[in-house]
Amino acid sequence: MQQLQICKLNASLWSNLELIIEQVLALITIVDQYANFLKIVNDHMYKIHYSDVSARDSSINLEVYTIDADSNNIIKEIYKELANA
Protein backbone atom coordinates (compact mmCIF):
# COMPACT_ATOMS: atom_id res chain seq x y z
CA MET A 1 0.00 0.00 0.00
CA GLN A 2 2.85 2.37 0.87
CA GLN A 3 4.51 1.77 -2.51
CA LEU A 4 1.28 2.63 -4.37
CA GLN A 5 1.04 6.01 -2.61
CA ILE A 6 4.66 6.81 -3.52
CA CYS A 7 3.95 6.02 -7.18
CA LYS A 8 0.90 8.31 -7.15
CA LEU A 9 2.93 11.06 -5.52
CA ASN A 10 5.71 10.70 -8.06
CA ALA A 11 3.21 10.81 -10.94
CA SER A 12 1.66 13.93 -9.47
CA LEU A 13 5.03 15.60 -9.04
CA TRP A 14 6.08 14.64 -12.56
CA SER A 15 2.86 16.11 -13.93
CA ASN A 16 3.56 19.37 -12.11
CA LEU A 17 7.16 19.31 -13.28
CA GLU A 18 6.06 18.91 -16.90
CA LEU A 19 3.72 21.87 -16.49
CA ILE A 20 6.50 23.98 -14.99
CA ILE A 21 8.87 23.03 -17.82
CA GLU A 22 6.23 23.98 -20.41
CA GLN A 23 5.67 27.33 -18.69
CA VAL A 24 9.41 28.05 -18.50
CA LEU A 25 9.83 27.23 -22.19
CA ALA A 26 6.91 29.53 -23.03
CA LEU A 27 8.53 32.29 -20.96
CA ILE A 28 11.84 31.77 -22.76
CA THR A 29 10.05 32.13 -26.10
CA ILE A 30 8.38 35.36 -24.99
CA VAL A 31 11.66 36.80 -23.67
CA ASP A 32 13.40 35.87 -26.93
CA GLN A 33 10.69 37.60 -28.97
CA TYR A 34 10.92 40.68 -26.75
CA ALA A 35 14.72 40.76 -27.09
CA ASN A 36 14.36 40.62 -30.89
CA PHE A 37 11.80 43.45 -30.74
CA LEU A 38 14.16 45.57 -28.63
CA LYS A 39 17.00 44.94 -31.09
CA ILE A 40 14.84 46.13 -33.99
CA VAL A 41 13.76 49.24 -32.07
CA ASN A 42 17.35 49.92 -31.04
CA ASP A 43 18.53 49.63 -34.66
CA HIS A 44 15.84 52.08 -35.79
CA MET A 45 16.68 54.54 -33.02
CA TYR A 46 20.39 54.27 -33.87
CA LYS A 47 19.63 55.20 -37.49
CA ILE A 48 17.46 58.13 -36.41
CA HIS A 49 19.99 59.35 -33.84
CA TYR A 50 22.94 59.40 -36.23
CA SER A 51 20.99 60.58 -39.27
CA ASP A 52 21.48 64.05 -40.70
CA VAL A 53 17.77 64.19 -41.48
CA SER A 54 15.41 65.38 -38.77
CA ALA A 55 13.18 62.66 -37.33
CA ARG A 56 10.18 64.96 -37.57
CA ASP A 57 9.24 67.97 -39.63
CA SER A 58 9.72 70.97 -37.36
CA SER A 59 7.38 73.11 -39.47
CA ILE A 60 4.42 70.94 -38.48
CA ASN A 61 3.01 71.15 -34.94
CA LEU A 62 5.91 73.24 -33.71
CA GLU A 63 5.28 74.89 -30.36
CA VAL A 64 7.74 77.34 -28.87
CA TYR A 65 7.47 78.46 -25.27
CA THR A 66 9.13 81.45 -23.68
CA ILE A 67 9.95 80.87 -20.05
CA ASP A 68 10.60 83.88 -17.85
CA ALA A 69 13.64 83.96 -15.62
CA ASP A 70 13.15 82.86 -12.04
CA SER A 71 12.13 86.15 -10.44
CA ASN A 72 11.36 84.58 -7.06
CA ASN A 73 14.74 82.83 -6.71
CA ILE A 74 12.95 79.53 -6.06
CA ILE A 75 15.40 77.59 -8.19
CA LYS A 76 18.40 79.13 -6.43
CA GLU A 77 16.94 78.08 -3.06
CA ILE A 78 16.53 74.51 -4.30
CA TYR A 79 20.15 74.41 -5.45
CA LYS A 80 21.32 75.80 -2.13
CA GLU A 81 19.42 73.06 -0.31
CA LEU A 82 21.02 70.40 -2.49
CA ALA A 83 24.47 71.93 -2.09
CA ASN A 84 24.13 72.03 1.69
CA ALA A 85 22.75 68.51 1.97
PDB file of N, CA and C in Angstrom:
ATOM      1  N   MET A   1       0.829  -1.197   0.000  1.00  0.00           N
ATOM      2  CA  MET A   1       0.000   0.000   0.000  1.00  0.00           C
ATOM      3  C   MET A   1       0.870   1.256   0.000  1.00  0.00           C
ATOM      4  N   GLN A   2       1.930   1.243   0.792  1.00  0.00           N
ATOM      5  CA  GLN A   2       2.849   2.371   0.872  1.00  0.00           C
ATOM      6  C   GLN A   2       3.479   2.656  -0.487  1.00  0.00           C
ATOM      7  N   GLN A   3       3.868   1.612  -1.210  1.00  0.00           N
ATOM      8  CA  GLN A   3       4.513   1.773  -2.510  1.00  0.00           C
ATOM      9  C   GLN A   3       3.551   2.406  -3.518  1.00  0.00           C
ATOM     10  N   LEU A   4       2.276   2.068  -3.459  1.00  0.00           N
ATOM     11  CA  LEU A   4       1.276   2.627  -4.368  1.00  0.00           C
ATOM     12  C   LEU A   4       1.134   4.135  -4.142  1.00  0.00           C
ATOM     13  N   GLN A   5       1.140   4.577  -2.903  1.00  0.00           N
ATOM     14  CA  GLN A   5       1.041   6.007  -2.608  1.00  0.00           C
ATOM     15  C   GLN A   5       2.270   6.762  -3.124  1.00  0.00           C
ATOM     16  N   ILE A   6       3.439   6.174  -3.009  1.00  0.00           N
ATOM     17  CA  ILE A   6       4.658   6.811  -3.516  1.00  0.00           C
ATOM     18  C   ILE A   6       4.579   6.958  -5.028  1.00  0.00           C
ATOM     19  N   CYS A   7       4.084   5.951  -5.723  1.00  0.00           N
ATOM     20  CA  CYS A   7       3.946   6.021  -7.182  1.00  0.00           C
ATOM     21  C   CYS A   7       2.981   7.126  -7.577  1.00  0.00           C
ATOM     22  N   LYS A   8       1.863   7.252  -6.857  1.00  0.00           N
ATOM     23  CA  LYS A   8       0.898   8.314  -7.154  1.00  0.00           C
ATOM     24  C   LYS A   8       1.529   9.681  -6.915  1.00  0.00           C
ATOM     25  N   LEU A   9       2.272   9.801  -5.837  1.00  0.00           N
ATOM     26  CA  LEU A   9       2.929  11.058  -5.518  1.00  0.00           C
ATOM     27  C   LEU A   9       3.947  11.419  -6.600  1.00  0.00           C
ATOM     28  N   ASN A  10       4.719  10.448  -7.023  1.00  0.00           N
ATOM     29  CA  ASN A  10       5.707  10.702  -8.065  1.00  0.00           C
ATOM     30  C   ASN A  10       5.041  11.096  -9.375  1.00  0.00           C
ATOM     31  N   ALA A  11       3.932  10.460  -9.716  1.00  0.00           N
ATOM     32  CA  ALA A  11       3.209  10.808 -10.939  1.00  0.00           C
ATOM     33  C   ALA A  11       2.665  12.227 -10.844  1.00  0.00           C
ATOM     34  N   SER A  12       2.177  12.589  -9.678  1.00  0.00           N
ATOM     35  CA  SER A  12       1.658  13.932  -9.473  1.00  0.00           C
ATOM     36  C   SER A  12       2.779  14.968  -9.581  1.00  0.00           C
ATOM     37  N   LEU A  13       3.895  14.683  -8.952  1.00  0.00           N
ATOM     38  CA  LEU A  13       5.032  15.600  -9.036  1.00  0.00           C
ATOM     39  C   LEU A  13       5.540  15.720 -10.464  1.00  0.00           C
ATOM     40  N   TRP A  14       5.605  14.615 -11.174  1.00  0.00           N
ATOM     41  CA  TRP A  14       6.078  14.639 -12.558  1.00  0.00           C
ATOM     42  C   TRP A  14       5.134  15.462 -13.431  1.00  0.00           C
ATOM     43  N   SER A  15       3.838  15.331 -13.180  1.00  0.00           N
ATOM     44  CA  SER A  15       2.856  16.110 -13.926  1.00  0.00           C
ATOM     45  C   SER A  15       3.068  17.602 -13.682  1.00  0.00           C
ATOM     46  N   ASN A  16       3.285  17.967 -12.435  1.00  0.00           N
ATOM     47  CA  ASN A  16       3.557  19.368 -12.106  1.00  0.00           C
ATOM     48  C   ASN A  16       4.872  19.838 -12.722  1.00  0.00           C
ATOM     49  N   LEU A  17       5.869  18.969 -12.703  1.00  0.00           N
ATOM     50  CA  LEU A  17       7.163  19.315 -13.278  1.00  0.00           C
ATOM     51  C   LEU A  17       7.043  19.547 -14.783  1.00  0.00           C
ATOM     52  N   GLU A  18       6.274  18.719 -15.459  1.00  0.00           N
ATOM     53  CA  GLU A  18       6.062  18.907 -16.901  1.00  0.00           C
ATOM     54  C   GLU A  18       5.384  20.246 -17.171  1.00  0.00           C
ATOM     55  N   LEU A  19       4.412  20.593 -16.337  1.00  0.00           N
ATOM     56  CA  LEU A  19       3.719  21.869 -16.493  1.00  0.00           C
ATOM     57  C   LEU A  19       4.683  23.039 -16.274  1.00  0.00           C
ATOM     58  N   ILE A  20       5.518  22.919 -15.265  1.00  0.00           N
ATOM     59  CA  ILE A  20       6.500  23.977 -14.991  1.00  0.00           C
ATOM     60  C   ILE A  20       7.477  24.116 -16.153  1.00  0.00           C
ATOM     61  N   ILE A  21       7.941  22.995 -16.682  1.00  0.00           N
ATOM     62  CA  ILE A  21       8.866  23.034 -17.820  1.00  0.00           C
ATOM     63  C   ILE A  21       8.210  23.697 -19.018  1.00  0.00           C
ATOM     64  N   GLU A  22       6.953  23.364 -19.295  1.00  0.00           N
ATOM     65  CA  GLU A  22       6.230  23.984 -20.410  1.00  0.00           C
ATOM     66  C   GLU A  22       6.120  25.492 -20.209  1.00  0.00           C
ATOM     67  N   GLN A  23       5.818  25.906 -18.986  1.00  0.00           N
ATOM     68  CA  GLN A  23       5.674  27.334 -18.691  1.00  0.00           C
ATOM     69  C   GLN A  23       7.011  28.060 -18.833  1.00  0.00           C
ATOM     70  N   VAL A  24       8.085  27.437 -18.376  1.00  0.00           N
ATOM     71  CA  VAL A  24       9.412  28.049 -18.498  1.00  0.00           C
ATOM     72  C   VAL A  24       9.800  28.180 -19.966  1.00  0.00           C
ATOM     73  N   LEU A  25       9.532  27.162 -20.761  1.00  0.00           N
ATOM     74  CA  LEU A  25       9.833  27.230 -22.194  1.00  0.00           C
ATOM     75  C   LEU A  25       9.010  28.317 -22.878  1.00  0.00           C
ATOM     76  N   ALA A  26       7.749  28.467 -22.470  1.00  0.00           N
ATOM     77  CA  ALA A  26       6.910  29.532 -23.026  1.00  0.00           C
ATOM     78  C   ALA A  26       7.476  30.897 -22.643  1.00  0.00           C
ATOM     79  N   LEU A  27       7.925  31.033 -21.407  1.00  0.00           N
ATOM     80  CA  LEU A  27       8.527  32.290 -20.961  1.00  0.00           C
ATOM     81  C   LEU A  27       9.802  32.595 -21.742  1.00  0.00           C
ATOM     82  N   ILE A  28      10.617  31.583 -21.976  1.00  0.00           N
ATOM     83  CA  ILE A  28      11.844  31.772 -22.755  1.00  0.00           C
ATOM     84  C   ILE A  28      11.515  32.257 -24.158  1.00  0.00           C
ATOM     85  N   THR A  29      10.474  31.702 -24.761  1.00  0.00           N
ATOM     86  CA  THR A  29      10.052  32.127 -26.096  1.00  0.00           C
ATOM     87  C   THR A  29       9.623  33.587 -26.089  1.00  0.00           C
ATOM     88  N   ILE A  30       8.846  33.972 -25.087  1.00  0.00           N
ATOM     89  CA  ILE A  30       8.379  35.360 -24.991  1.00  0.00           C
ATOM     90  C   ILE A  30       9.563  36.310 -24.786  1.00  0.00           C
ATOM     91  N   VAL A  31      10.488  35.949 -23.916  1.00  0.00           N
ATOM     92  CA  VAL A  31      11.657  36.796 -23.666  1.00  0.00           C
ATOM     93  C   VAL A  31      12.503  36.916 -24.932  1.00  0.00           C
ATOM     94  N   ASP A  32      12.643  35.837 -25.676  1.00  0.00           N
ATOM     95  CA  ASP A  32      13.399  35.867 -26.930  1.00  0.00           C
ATOM     96  C   ASP A  32      12.735  36.796 -27.944  1.00  0.00           C
ATOM     97  N   GLN A  33      11.413  36.711 -28.060  1.00  0.00           N
ATOM     98  CA  GLN A  33      10.689  37.595 -28.973  1.00  0.00           C
ATOM     99  C   GLN A  33      10.842  39.053 -28.543  1.00  0.00           C
ATOM    100  N   TYR A  34      10.779  39.320 -27.258  1.00  0.00           N
ATOM    101  CA  TYR A  34      10.924  40.683 -26.751  1.00  0.00           C
ATOM    102  C   TYR A  34      12.338  41.206 -27.010  1.00  0.00           C
ATOM    103  N   ALA A  35      13.336  40.352 -26.826  1.00  0.00           N
ATOM    104  CA  ALA A  35      14.720  40.757 -27.095  1.00  0.00           C
ATOM    105  C   ALA A  35      14.896  41.101 -28.571  1.00  0.00           C
ATOM    106  N   ASN A  36      14.294  40.317 -29.454  1.00  0.00           N
ATOM    107  CA  ASN A  36      14.356  40.619 -30.887  1.00  0.00           C
ATOM    108  C   ASN A  36      13.666  41.942 -31.190  1.00  0.00           C
ATOM    109  N   PHE A  37      12.519  42.186 -30.560  1.00  0.00           N
ATOM    110  CA  PHE A  37      11.800  43.447 -30.740  1.00  0.00           C
ATOM    111  C   PHE A  37      12.668  44.621 -30.294  1.00  0.00           C
ATOM    112  N   LEU A  38      13.303  44.495 -29.130  1.00  0.00           N
ATOM    113  CA  LEU A  38      14.158  45.565 -28.628  1.00  0.00           C
ATOM    114  C   LEU A  38      15.344  45.820 -29.552  1.00  0.00           C
ATOM    115  N   LYS A  39      15.889  44.773 -30.149  1.00  0.00           N
ATOM    116  CA  LYS A  39      17.000  44.944 -31.089  1.00  0.00           C
ATOM    117  C   LYS A  39      16.548  45.728 -32.309  1.00  0.00           C
ATOM    118  N   ILE A  40      15.367  45.413 -32.832  1.00  0.00           N
ATOM    119  CA  ILE A  40      14.837  46.130 -33.993  1.00  0.00           C
ATOM    120  C   ILE A  40      14.616  47.600 -33.648  1.00  0.00           C
ATOM    121  N   VAL A  41      14.001  47.856 -32.499  1.00  0.00           N
ATOM    122  CA  VAL A  41      13.758  49.237 -32.074  1.00  0.00           C
ATOM    123  C   VAL A  41      15.084  49.971 -31.879  1.00  0.00           C
ATOM    124  N   ASN A  42      16.048  49.309 -31.269  1.00  0.00           N
ATOM    125  CA  ASN A  42      17.351  49.919 -31.044  1.00  0.00           C
ATOM    126  C   ASN A  42      18.034  50.256 -32.371  1.00  0.00           C
ATOM    127  N   ASP A  43      17.950  49.367 -33.344  1.00  0.00           N
ATOM    128  CA  ASP A  43      18.532  49.631 -34.661  1.00  0.00           C
ATOM    129  C   ASP A  43      17.879  50.839 -35.314  1.00  0.00           C
ATOM    130  N   HIS A  44      16.545  50.934 -35.221  1.00  0.00           N
ATOM    131  CA  HIS A  44      15.836  52.083 -35.792  1.00  0.00           C
ATOM    132  C   HIS A  44      16.241  53.379 -35.087  1.00  0.00           C
ATOM    133  N   MET A  45      16.315  53.344 -33.769  1.00  0.00           N
ATOM    134  CA  MET A  45      16.683  54.544 -33.020  1.00  0.00           C
ATOM    135  C   MET A  45      18.126  54.954 -33.318  1.00  0.00           C
ATOM    136  N   TYR A  46      19.001  53.981 -33.513  1.00  0.00           N
ATOM    137  CA  TYR A  46      20.393  54.271 -33.866  1.00  0.00           C
ATOM    138  C   TYR A  46      20.448  55.019 -35.195  1.00  0.00           C
ATOM    139  N   LYS A  47      19.670  54.536 -36.176  1.00  0.00           N
ATOM    140  CA  LYS A  47      19.633  55.196 -37.489  1.00  0.00           C
ATOM    141  C   LYS A  47      19.100  56.618 -37.364  1.00  0.00           C
ATOM    142  N   ILE A  48      18.046  56.798 -36.585  1.00  0.00           N
ATOM    143  CA  ILE A  48      17.460  58.132 -36.412  1.00  0.00           C
ATOM    144  C   ILE A  48      18.446  59.052 -35.685  1.00  0.00           C
ATOM    145  N   HIS A  49      19.093  58.531 -34.654  1.00  0.00           N
ATOM    146  CA  HIS A  49      19.989  59.354 -33.840  1.00  0.00           C
ATOM    147  C   HIS A  49      21.184  59.867 -34.644  1.00  0.00           C
ATOM    148  N   TYR A  50      21.748  59.019 -35.484  1.00  0.00           N
ATOM    149  CA  TYR A  50      22.943  59.400 -36.231  1.00  0.00           C
ATOM    150  C   TYR A  50      22.639  59.891 -37.642  1.00  0.00           C
ATOM    151  N   SER A  51      21.383  60.083 -37.960  1.00  0.00           N
ATOM    152  CA  SER A  51      20.992  60.580 -39.272  1.00  0.00           C
ATOM    153  C   SER A  51      21.127  62.098 -39.322  1.00  0.00           C
ATOM    154  N   ASP A  52      21.428  62.607 -40.503  1.00  0.00           N
ATOM    155  CA  ASP A  52      21.482  64.053 -40.703  1.00  0.00           C
ATOM    156  C   ASP A  52      20.105  64.629 -40.982  1.00  0.00           C
ATOM    157  N   VAL A  53      19.133  63.763 -41.188  1.00  0.00           N
ATOM    158  CA  VAL A  53      17.768  64.189 -41.483  1.00  0.00           C
ATOM    159  C   VAL A  53      16.983  64.218 -40.174  1.00  0.00           C
ATOM    160  N   SER A  54      16.208  65.264 -39.978  1.00  0.00           N
ATOM    161  CA  SER A  54      15.408  65.381 -38.766  1.00  0.00           C
ATOM    162  C   SER A  54      14.381  64.254 -38.698  1.00  0.00           C
ATOM    163  N   ALA A  55      14.142  63.750 -37.510  1.00  0.00           N
ATOM    164  CA  ALA A  55      13.184  62.656 -37.334  1.00  0.00           C
ATOM    165  C   ALA A  55      11.751  63.125 -37.548  1.00  0.00           C
ATOM    166  N   ARG A  56      11.510  64.419 -37.348  1.00  0.00           N
ATOM    167  CA  ARG A  56      10.175  64.958 -37.574  1.00  0.00           C
ATOM    168  C   ARG A  56      10.298  66.311 -38.251  1.00  0.00           C
ATOM    169  N   ASP A  57       9.260  66.698 -38.919  1.00  0.00           N
ATOM    170  CA  ASP A  57       9.242  67.971 -39.630  1.00  0.00           C
ATOM    171  C   ASP A  57       8.931  69.072 -38.626  1.00  0.00           C
ATOM    172  N   SER A  58       9.897  69.939 -38.381  1.00  0.00           N
ATOM    173  CA  SER A  58       9.718  70.967 -37.356  1.00  0.00           C
ATOM    174  C   SER A  58       8.734  72.055 -37.771  1.00  0.00           C
ATOM    175  N   SER A  59       8.348  72.093 -39.041  1.00  0.00           N
ATOM    176  CA  SER A  59       7.385  73.112 -39.472  1.00  0.00           C
ATOM    177  C   SER A  59       5.949  72.695 -39.169  1.00  0.00           C
ATOM    178  N   ILE A  60       5.756  71.443 -38.795  1.00  0.00           N
ATOM    179  CA  ILE A  60       4.418  70.938 -38.476  1.00  0.00           C
ATOM    180  C   ILE A  60       4.329  70.752 -36.957  1.00  0.00           C
ATOM    181  N   ASN A  61       3.268  71.301 -36.380  1.00  0.00           N
ATOM    182  CA  ASN A  61       3.007  71.155 -34.941  1.00  0.00           C
ATOM    183  C   ASN A  61       4.168  71.634 -34.070  1.00  0.00           C
ATOM    184  N   LEU A  62       4.816  72.690 -34.497  1.00  0.00           N
ATOM    185  CA  LEU A  62       5.909  73.236 -33.713  1.00  0.00           C
ATOM    186  C   LEU A  62       5.354  74.206 -32.678  1.00  0.00           C
ATOM    187  N   GLU A  63       5.702  74.002 -31.429  1.00  0.00           N
ATOM    188  CA  GLU A  63       5.276  74.891 -30.360  1.00  0.00           C
ATOM    189  C   GLU A  63       6.519  75.411 -29.654  1.00  0.00           C
ATOM    190  N   VAL A  64       6.602  76.720 -29.534  1.00  0.00           N
ATOM    191  CA  VAL A  64       7.740  77.342 -28.869  1.00  0.00           C
ATOM    192  C   VAL A  64       7.222  78.055 -27.632  1.00  0.00           C
ATOM    193  N   TYR A  65       7.865  77.830 -26.524  1.00  0.00           N
ATOM    194  CA  TYR A  65       7.471  78.457 -25.271  1.00  0.00           C
ATOM    195  C   TYR A  65       8.578  79.394 -24.810  1.00  0.00           C
ATOM    196  N   THR A  66       8.190  80.525 -24.301  1.00  0.00           N
ATOM    197  CA  THR A  66       9.132  81.449 -23.685  1.00  0.00           C
ATOM    198  C   THR A  66       8.946  81.344 -22.179  1.00  0.00           C
ATOM    199  N   ILE A  67      10.022  81.048 -21.495  1.00  0.00           N
ATOM    200  CA  ILE A  67       9.952  80.871 -20.047  1.00  0.00           C
ATOM    201  C   ILE A  67      10.692  82.029 -19.399  1.00  0.00           C
ATOM    202  N   ASP A  68       9.993  82.743 -18.542  1.00  0.00           N
ATOM    203  CA  ASP A  68      10.595  83.875 -17.846  1.00  0.00           C
ATOM    204  C   ASP A  68      11.661  83.393 -16.874  1.00  0.00           C
ATOM    205  N   ALA A  69      12.604  84.272 -16.602  1.00  0.00           N
ATOM    206  CA  ALA A  69      13.639  83.961 -15.620  1.00  0.00           C
ATOM    207  C   ALA A  69      12.991  83.797 -14.250  1.00  0.00           C
ATOM    208  N   ASP A  70      13.668  83.119 -13.388  1.00  0.00           N
ATOM    209  CA  ASP A  70      13.153  82.856 -12.045  1.00  0.00           C
ATOM    210  C   ASP A  70      13.233  84.131 -11.207  1.00  0.00           C
ATOM    211  N   SER A  71      12.131  84.869 -11.166  1.00  0.00           N
ATOM    212  CA  SER A  71      12.130  86.145 -10.441  1.00  0.00           C
ATOM    213  C   SER A  71      12.007  85.959  -8.933  1.00  0.00           C
ATOM    214  N   ASN A  72      11.555  84.814  -8.494  1.00  0.00           N
ATOM    215  CA  ASN A  72      11.364  84.583  -7.057  1.00  0.00           C
ATOM    216  C   ASN A  72      12.536  83.848  -6.420  1.00  0.00           C
ATOM    217  N   ASN A  73      13.553  83.548  -7.198  1.00  0.00           N
ATOM    218  CA  ASN A  73      14.744  82.829  -6.714  1.00  0.00           C
ATOM    219  C   ASN A  73      14.414  81.460  -6.119  1.00  0.00           C
ATOM    220  N   ILE A  74      13.332  80.859  -6.573  1.00  0.00           N
ATOM    221  CA  ILE A  74      12.952  79.531  -6.063  1.00  0.00           C
ATOM    222  C   ILE A  74      13.989  78.492  -6.474  1.00  0.00           C
ATOM    223  N   ILE A  75      14.430  78.570  -7.713  1.00  0.00           N
ATOM    224  CA  ILE A  75      15.402  77.589  -8.191  1.00  0.00           C
ATOM    225  C   ILE A  75      16.709  77.719  -7.413  1.00  0.00           C
ATOM    226  N   LYS A  76      17.151  78.943  -7.174  1.00  0.00           N
ATOM    227  CA  LYS A  76      18.395  79.133  -6.426  1.00  0.00           C
ATOM    228  C   LYS A  76      18.289  78.529  -5.032  1.00  0.00           C
ATOM    229  N   GLU A  77      17.134  78.657  -4.397  1.00  0.00           N
ATOM    230  CA  GLU A  77      16.938  78.075  -3.065  1.00  0.00           C
ATOM    231  C   GLU A  77      17.031  76.556  -3.113  1.00  0.00           C
ATOM    232  N   ILE A  78      16.472  75.966  -4.158  1.00  0.00           N
ATOM    233  CA  ILE A  78      16.532  74.509  -4.295  1.00  0.00           C
ATOM    234  C   ILE A  78      17.982  74.067  -4.431  1.00  0.00           C
ATOM    235  N   TYR A  79      18.758  74.786  -5.259  1.00  0.00           N
ATOM    236  CA  TYR A  79      20.153  74.408  -5.446  1.00  0.00           C
ATOM    237  C   TYR A  79      20.960  74.599  -4.166  1.00  0.00           C
ATOM    238  N   LYS A  80      20.634  75.615  -3.404  1.00  0.00           N
ATOM    239  CA  LYS A  80      21.323  75.797  -2.134  1.00  0.00           C
ATOM    240  C   LYS A  80      21.044  74.623  -1.207  1.00  0.00           C
ATOM    241  N   GLU A  81      19.779  74.183  -1.174  1.00  0.00           N
ATOM    242  CA  GLU A  81      19.423  73.058  -0.310  1.00  0.00           C
ATOM    243  C   GLU A  81      20.188  71.810  -0.722  1.00  0.00           C
ATOM    244  N   LEU A  82      20.293  71.575  -2.021  1.00  0.00           N
ATOM    245  CA  LEU A  82      21.018  70.399  -2.488  1.00  0.00           C
ATOM    246  C   LEU A  82      22.506  70.522  -2.182  1.00  0.00           C
ATOM    247  N   ALA A  83      23.043  71.729  -2.329  1.00  0.00           N
ATOM    248  CA  ALA A  83      24.465  71.932  -2.086  1.00  0.00           C
ATOM    249  C   ALA A  83      24.796  71.751  -0.607  1.00  0.00           C
ATOM    250  N   ASN A  84      23.884  72.132   0.259  1.00  0.00           N
ATOM    251  CA  ASN A  84      24.131  72.030   1.694  1.00  0.00           C
ATOM    252  C   ASN A  84      23.827  70.647   2.251  1.00  0.00           C
ATOM    253  N   ALA A  85      23.176  69.818   1.468  1.00  0.00           N
ATOM    254  CA  ALA A  85      22.745  68.506   1.967  1.00  0.00           C
ATOM    255  C   ALA A  85      23.900  67.574   2.192  1.00  0.00           C
TER     256      ALA A  85
END
